[in-house]
Amino acid sequence: MIPEATVDDLFALAIAAEETAAEFYRGLVEKFSHESDIADFWQRYVLDEVSHALWLERLRCNLRPEQLAGPANHDALALAVQTRNVSAAQTLAGIDNLDAAYETANDLENSETNMVFEFLITNFPYDREVASFLRTQLTEHVNRLITAFPNRFKDPYARRAVAAQG
């Protein structure tokens, strides 16, 4: 844990987690570049993660210095520290087919990263409308694996048949 961690530290960890997630999805784009609809699907996640990092940075910039210097929420900080230890390169090394990519993405999207993002937009919103927008974006982002994954690969057997490259 980070002794005497601040809200600013929590934001830094959350932004780094979003950037790591974007790096992971960039790796999936490369691993599945031979399947254009899958590569395009993962690319959309890259853009989402970059957007999440930018939203968090904007949110942090709108806080007063005394808010940023305040103590971080212990539970949110613990989750953020857990996500800091995730390596995109190590995670990608374990991806040998599309099903492994799908399941790993599902785990990532339902992980601590998004719980910390939710905590920050709930506790430090611009206003209710912006917080609602961000929450909706996050929900759609998480659900996209179920709702928008290319139909021909919705079945796990079909996903297992698609080998990762590289």
C-alpha atoms as a PDB file:
ATOM      1  CA  MET A   1       0.000   0.000   0.000  1.00  0.00           C
ATOM      2  CA  ILE A   2       1.081   3.592  -0.438  1.00  0.00           C
ATOM      3  CA  PRO A   3       1.555   5.226   2.960  1.00  0.00           C
ATOM      4  CA  GLU A   4      -0.410   8.450   3.324  1.00  0.00           C
ATOM      5  CA  ALA A   5      -1.762   8.182  -0.214  1.00  0.00           C
ATOM      6  CA  THR A   6      -3.769  11.106  -1.490  1.00  0.00           C
ATOM      7  CA  VAL A   7      -6.692  11.498  -3.842  1.00  0.00           C
ATOM      8  CA  ASP A   8      -4.135  12.661  -6.414  1.00  0.00           C
ATOM      9  CA  ASP A   9      -2.259   9.346  -5.977  1.00  0.00           C
ATOM     10  CA  LEU A  10      -5.519   7.474  -6.505  1.00  0.00           C
ATOM     11  CA  PHE A  11      -6.176   9.364  -9.734  1.00  0.00           C
ATOM     12  CA  ALA A  12      -2.627   8.667 -10.936  1.00  0.00           C
ATOM     13  CA  LEU A  13      -3.066   4.939 -10.305  1.00  0.00           C
ATOM     14  CA  ALA A  14      -6.461   4.876 -12.020  1.00  0.00           C
ATOM     15  CA  ILE A  15      -5.129   6.728 -15.066  1.00  0.00           C
ATOM     16  CA  ALA A  16      -2.162   4.348 -15.269  1.00  0.00           C
ATOM     17  CA  ALA A  17      -4.567   1.380 -15.125  1.00  0.00           C
ATOM     18  CA  GLU A  18      -6.566   2.776 -18.045  1.00  0.00           C
ATOM     19  CA  GLU A  19      -3.344   3.286 -20.009  1.00  0.00           C
ATOM     20  CA  THR A  20      -2.278  -0.312 -19.261  1.00  0.00           C
ATOM     21  CA  ALA A  21      -5.674  -1.544 -20.438  1.00  0.00           C
ATOM     22  CA  ALA A  22      -5.233   0.425 -23.686  1.00  0.00           C
ATOM     23  CA  GLU A  23      -1.809  -1.191 -24.132  1.00  0.00           C
ATOM     24  CA  PHE A  24      -3.370  -4.634 -23.600  1.00  0.00           C
ATOM     25  CA  TYR A  25      -6.039  -3.977 -26.232  1.00  0.00           C
ATOM     26  CA  ARG A  26      -3.416  -2.626 -28.671  1.00  0.00           C
ATOM     27  CA  GLY A  27      -1.680  -5.965 -28.247  1.00  0.00           C
ATOM     28  CA  LEU A  28      -4.936  -7.768 -29.064  1.00  0.00           C
ATOM     29  CA  VAL A  29      -5.308  -5.646 -32.200  1.00  0.00           C
ATOM     30  CA  GLU A  30      -1.864  -6.887 -33.279  1.00  0.00           C
ATOM     31  CA  LYS A  31      -2.486 -10.519 -32.287  1.00  0.00           C
ATOM     32  CA  PHE A  32      -5.711 -10.627 -34.293  1.00  0.00           C
ATOM     33  CA  SER A  33      -4.823  -8.322 -37.182  1.00  0.00           C
ATOM     34  CA  HIS A  34      -5.463 -11.274 -39.530  1.00  0.00           C
ATOM     35  CA  GLU A  35      -9.196 -11.054 -38.596  1.00  0.00           C
ATOM     36  CA  SER A  36     -10.175  -7.492 -39.465  1.00  0.00           C
ATOM     37  CA  ASP A  37     -13.538  -7.489 -37.667  1.00  0.00           C
ATOM     38  CA  ILE A  38     -11.876  -8.728 -34.482  1.00  0.00           C
ATOM     39  CA  ALA A  39      -8.994  -6.254 -34.789  1.00  0.00           C
ATOM     40  CA  ASP A  40     -11.541  -3.465 -35.279  1.00  0.00           C
ATOM     41  CA  PHE A  41     -13.474  -4.678 -32.236  1.00  0.00           C
ATOM     42  CA  TRP A  42     -10.349  -4.556 -30.026  1.00  0.00           C
ATOM     43  CA  GLN A  43      -9.399  -1.168 -31.500  1.00  0.00           C
ATOM     44  CA  ARG A  44     -12.651   0.262 -30.200  1.00  0.00           C
ATOM     45  CA  TYR A  45     -11.595  -0.840 -26.716  1.00  0.00           C
ATOM     46  CA  VAL A  46      -8.242   0.900 -27.186  1.00  0.00           C
ATOM     47  CA  LEU A  47     -10.081   4.130 -27.957  1.00  0.00           C
ATOM     48  CA  ASP A  48     -12.388   3.664 -24.960  1.00  0.00           C
ATOM     49  CA  GLU A  49      -9.494   3.124 -22.559  1.00  0.00           C
ATOM     50  CA  VAL A  50      -7.666   6.183 -23.870  1.00  0.00           C
ATOM     51  CA  SER A  51     -10.896   8.136 -23.456  1.00  0.00           C
ATOM     52  CA  HIS A  52     -11.311   6.880 -19.881  1.00  0.00           C
ATOM     53  CA  ALA A  53      -7.800   8.041 -19.032  1.00  0.00           C
ATOM     54  CA  LEU A  54      -8.538  11.476 -20.517  1.00  0.00           C
ATOM     55  CA  TRP A  55     -11.819  11.758 -18.601  1.00  0.00           C
ATOM     56  CA  LEU A  56     -10.052  10.891 -15.357  1.00  0.00           C
ATOM     57  CA  GLU A  57      -7.337  13.444 -16.087  1.00  0.00           C
ATOM     58  CA  ARG A  58      -9.955  16.135 -16.758  1.00  0.00           C
ATOM     59  CA  LEU A  59     -11.770  15.211 -13.591  1.00  0.00           C
ATOM     60  CA  ARG A  60      -8.513  15.431 -11.618  1.00  0.00           C
ATOM     61  CA  CYS A  61      -7.715  18.822 -13.166  1.00  0.00           C
ATOM     62  CA  ASN A  62     -11.087  20.168 -12.010  1.00  0.00           C
ATOM     63  CA  LEU A  63     -10.436  19.325  -8.373  1.00  0.00           C
ATOM     64  CA  ARG A  64      -9.090  21.898  -5.980  1.00  0.00           C
ATOM     65  CA  PRO A  65      -5.549  21.367  -4.625  1.00  0.00           C
ATOM     66  CA  GLU A  66      -6.916  20.644  -1.148  1.00  0.00           C
ATOM     67  CA  GLN A  67      -9.177  17.933  -2.587  1.00  0.00           C
ATOM     68  CA  LEU A  68      -6.254  16.324  -4.390  1.00  0.00           C
ATOM     69  CA  ALA A  69      -4.139  16.469  -1.230  1.00  0.00           C
ATOM     70  CA  GLY A  70      -6.852  14.797   0.833  1.00  0.00           C
ATOM     71  CA  PRO A  71      -6.514  11.186   1.939  1.00  0.00           C
ATOM     72  CA  ALA A  72      -7.447   8.542  -0.603  1.00  0.00           C
ATOM     73  CA  ASN A  73     -10.301   6.170   0.095  1.00  0.00           C
ATOM     74  CA  HIS A  74      -8.654   3.036   1.516  1.00  0.00           C
ATOM     75  CA  ASP A  75     -10.787   0.510  -0.394  1.00  0.00           C
ATOM     76  CA  ALA A  76     -10.467   2.299  -3.738  1.00  0.00           C
ATOM     77  CA  LEU A  77      -6.739   2.692  -3.184  1.00  0.00           C
ATOM     78  CA  ALA A  78      -6.331  -1.015  -2.438  1.00  0.00           C
ATOM     79  CA  LEU A  79      -8.113  -1.860  -5.710  1.00  0.00           C
ATOM     80  CA  ALA A  80      -6.016   0.644  -7.646  1.00  0.00           C
ATOM     81  CA  VAL A  81      -2.781  -0.761  -6.206  1.00  0.00           C
ATOM     82  CA  GLN A  82      -3.858  -4.270  -7.290  1.00  0.00           C
ATOM     83  CA  THR A  83      -4.354  -3.068 -10.854  1.00  0.00           C
ATOM     84  CA  ARG A  84      -0.952  -1.368 -10.850  1.00  0.00           C
ATOM     85  CA  ASN A  85       0.653  -4.797 -10.648  1.00  0.00           C
ATOM     86  CA  VAL A  86      -0.941  -5.993 -13.900  1.00  0.00           C
ATOM     87  CA  SER A  87       1.434  -6.115 -16.861  1.00  0.00           C
ATOM     88  CA  ALA A  88      -0.063  -5.829 -20.336  1.00  0.00           C
ATOM     89  CA  ALA A  89       2.928  -7.647 -21.837  1.00  0.00           C
ATOM     90  CA  GLN A  90       2.672 -10.576 -19.411  1.00  0.00           C
ATOM     91  CA  THR A  91      -1.066 -10.808 -19.901  1.00  0.00           C
ATOM     92  CA  LEU A  92      -0.677 -10.749 -23.682  1.00  0.00           C
ATOM     93  CA  ALA A  93       1.970 -13.477 -23.511  1.00  0.00           C
ATOM     94  CA  GLY A  94      -0.707 -15.846 -22.200  1.00  0.00           C
ATOM     95  CA  ILE A  95      -3.100 -15.192 -25.099  1.00  0.00           C
ATOM     96  CA  ASP A  96      -2.865 -17.975 -27.673  1.00  0.00           C
ATOM     97  CA  ASN A  97      -6.346 -17.848 -29.215  1.00  0.00           C
ATOM     98  CA  LEU A  98      -9.388 -15.626 -29.498  1.00  0.00           C
ATOM     99  CA  ASP A  99     -11.223 -17.328 -26.643  1.00  0.00           C
ATOM    100  CA  ALA A 100      -8.333 -16.627 -24.273  1.00  0.00           C
ATOM    101  CA  ALA A 101      -8.401 -12.985 -25.436  1.00  0.00           C
ATOM    102  CA  TYR A 102     -12.169 -12.782 -24.953  1.00  0.00           C
ATOM    103  CA  GLU A 103     -12.072 -14.293 -21.466  1.00  0.00           C
ATOM    104  CA  THR A 104      -9.128 -12.136 -20.401  1.00  0.00           C
ATOM    105  CA  ALA A 105     -10.891  -9.012 -21.682  1.00  0.00           C
ATOM    106  CA  ASN A 106     -14.036 -10.062 -19.812  1.00  0.00           C
ATOM    107  CA  ASP A 107     -12.006 -10.428 -16.609  1.00  0.00           C
ATOM    108  CA  LEU A 108     -10.360  -7.056 -17.193  1.00  0.00           C
ATOM    109  CA  GLU A 109     -13.636  -5.291 -17.855  1.00  0.00           C
ATOM    110  CA  ASN A 110     -15.157  -6.688 -14.679  1.00  0.00           C
ATOM    111  CA  SER A 111     -12.047  -5.994 -12.622  1.00  0.00           C
ATOM    112  CA  GLU A 112     -10.865  -3.505 -10.096  1.00  0.00           C
ATOM    113  CA  THR A 113      -9.935  -1.020 -12.830  1.00  0.00           C
ATOM    114  CA  ASN A 114     -13.550  -0.232 -13.598  1.00  0.00           C
ATOM    115  CA  MET A 115     -14.527  -0.288  -9.905  1.00  0.00           C
ATOM    116  CA  VAL A 116     -11.956   2.441  -9.232  1.00  0.00           C
ATOM    117  CA  PHE A 117     -13.194   4.413 -12.260  1.00  0.00           C
ATOM    118  CA  GLU A 118     -16.770   4.115 -10.926  1.00  0.00           C
ATOM    119  CA  PHE A 119     -15.650   5.234  -7.463  1.00  0.00           C
ATOM    120  CA  LEU A 120     -13.937   8.314  -8.885  1.00  0.00           C
ATOM    121  CA  ILE A 121     -16.831   9.418 -11.071  1.00  0.00           C
ATOM    122  CA  THR A 122     -19.246   8.862  -8.180  1.00  0.00           C
ATOM    123  CA  ASN A 123     -17.229  10.770  -5.617  1.00  0.00           C
ATOM    124  CA  PHE A 124     -15.627  13.479  -7.734  1.00  0.00           C
ATOM    125  CA  PRO A 125     -18.062  14.325 -10.553  1.00  0.00           C
ATOM    126  CA  TYR A 126     -18.186  17.502 -12.567  1.00  0.00           C
ATOM    127  CA  ASP A 127     -21.925  17.431 -12.109  1.00  0.00           C
ATOM    128  CA  ARG A 128     -24.699  14.832 -12.123  1.00  0.00           C
ATOM    129  CA  GLU A 129     -25.133  14.932 -15.884  1.00  0.00           C
ATOM    130  CA  VAL A 130     -21.453  14.286 -16.584  1.00  0.00           C
ATOM    131  CA  ALA A 131     -21.283  11.552 -13.944  1.00  0.00           C
ATOM    132  CA  SER A 132     -24.335   9.903 -15.489  1.00  0.00           C
ATOM    133  CA  PHE A 133     -22.771  10.127 -18.951  1.00  0.00           C
ATOM    134  CA  LEU A 134     -19.507   8.568 -17.727  1.00  0.00           C
ATOM    135  CA  ARG A 135     -21.344   5.791 -15.902  1.00  0.00           C
ATOM    136  CA  THR A 136     -23.348   5.024 -19.059  1.00  0.00           C
ATOM    137  CA  GLN A 137     -20.154   4.972 -21.120  1.00  0.00           C
ATOM    138  CA  LEU A 138     -18.539   2.578 -18.659  1.00  0.00           C
ATOM    139  CA  THR A 139     -21.564   0.251 -18.644  1.00  0.00           C
ATOM    140  CA  GLU A 140     -21.693   0.169 -22.443  1.00  0.00           C
ATOM    141  CA  HIS A 141     -17.948  -0.446 -22.546  1.00  0.00           C
ATOM    142  CA  VAL A 142     -18.207  -3.442 -20.191  1.00  0.00           C
ATOM    143  CA  ASN A 143     -21.259  -4.880 -21.963  1.00  0.00           C
ATOM    144  CA  ARG A 144     -19.786  -4.567 -25.466  1.00  0.00           C
ATOM    145  CA  LEU A 145     -18.156  -8.002 -25.163  1.00  0.00           C
ATOM    146  CA  ILE A 146     -21.623  -9.514 -24.951  1.00  0.00           C
ATOM    147  CA  THR A 147     -23.576  -7.205 -27.217  1.00  0.00           C
ATOM    148  CA  ALA A 148     -21.158  -6.275 -30.002  1.00  0.00           C
ATOM    149  CA  PHE A 149     -18.669  -9.117 -30.359  1.00  0.00           C
ATOM    150  CA  PRO A 150     -18.742 -10.312 -33.986  1.00  0.00           C
ATOM    151  CA  ASN A 151     -21.513 -12.906 -34.315  1.00  0.00           C
ATOM    152  CA  ARG A 152     -19.400 -15.546 -35.986  1.00  0.00           C
ATOM    153  CA  PHE A 153     -17.207 -15.676 -32.863  1.00  0.00           C
ATOM    154  CA  LYS A 154     -19.842 -15.617 -30.126  1.00  0.00           C
ATOM    155  CA  ASP A 155     -19.431 -19.356 -29.621  1.00  0.00           C
ATOM    156  CA  PRO A 156     -16.373 -20.316 -27.504  1.00  0.00           C
ATOM    157  CA  TYR A 157     -15.539 -23.188 -29.876  1.00  0.00           C
ATOM    158  CA  ALA A 158     -15.349 -20.767 -32.801  1.00  0.00           C
ATOM    159  CA  ARG A 159     -13.139 -18.433 -30.728  1.00  0.00           C
ATOM    160  CA  ARG A 160     -10.773 -21.270 -29.787  1.00  0.00           C
ATOM    161  CA  ALA A 161     -10.240 -22.031 -33.473  1.00  0.00           C
ATOM    162  CA  VAL A 162      -8.767 -18.571 -34.104  1.00  0.00           C
ATOM    163  CA  ALA A 163      -5.089 -18.577 -33.190  1.00  0.00           C
ATOM    164  CA  ALA A 164      -3.344 -15.455 -31.989  1.00  0.00           C
ATOM    165  CA  GLN A 165      -0.381 -14.280 -34.001  1.00  0.00           C
ATOM    166  CA  GLY A 166       2.904 -13.130 -32.581  1.00  0.00           C
END
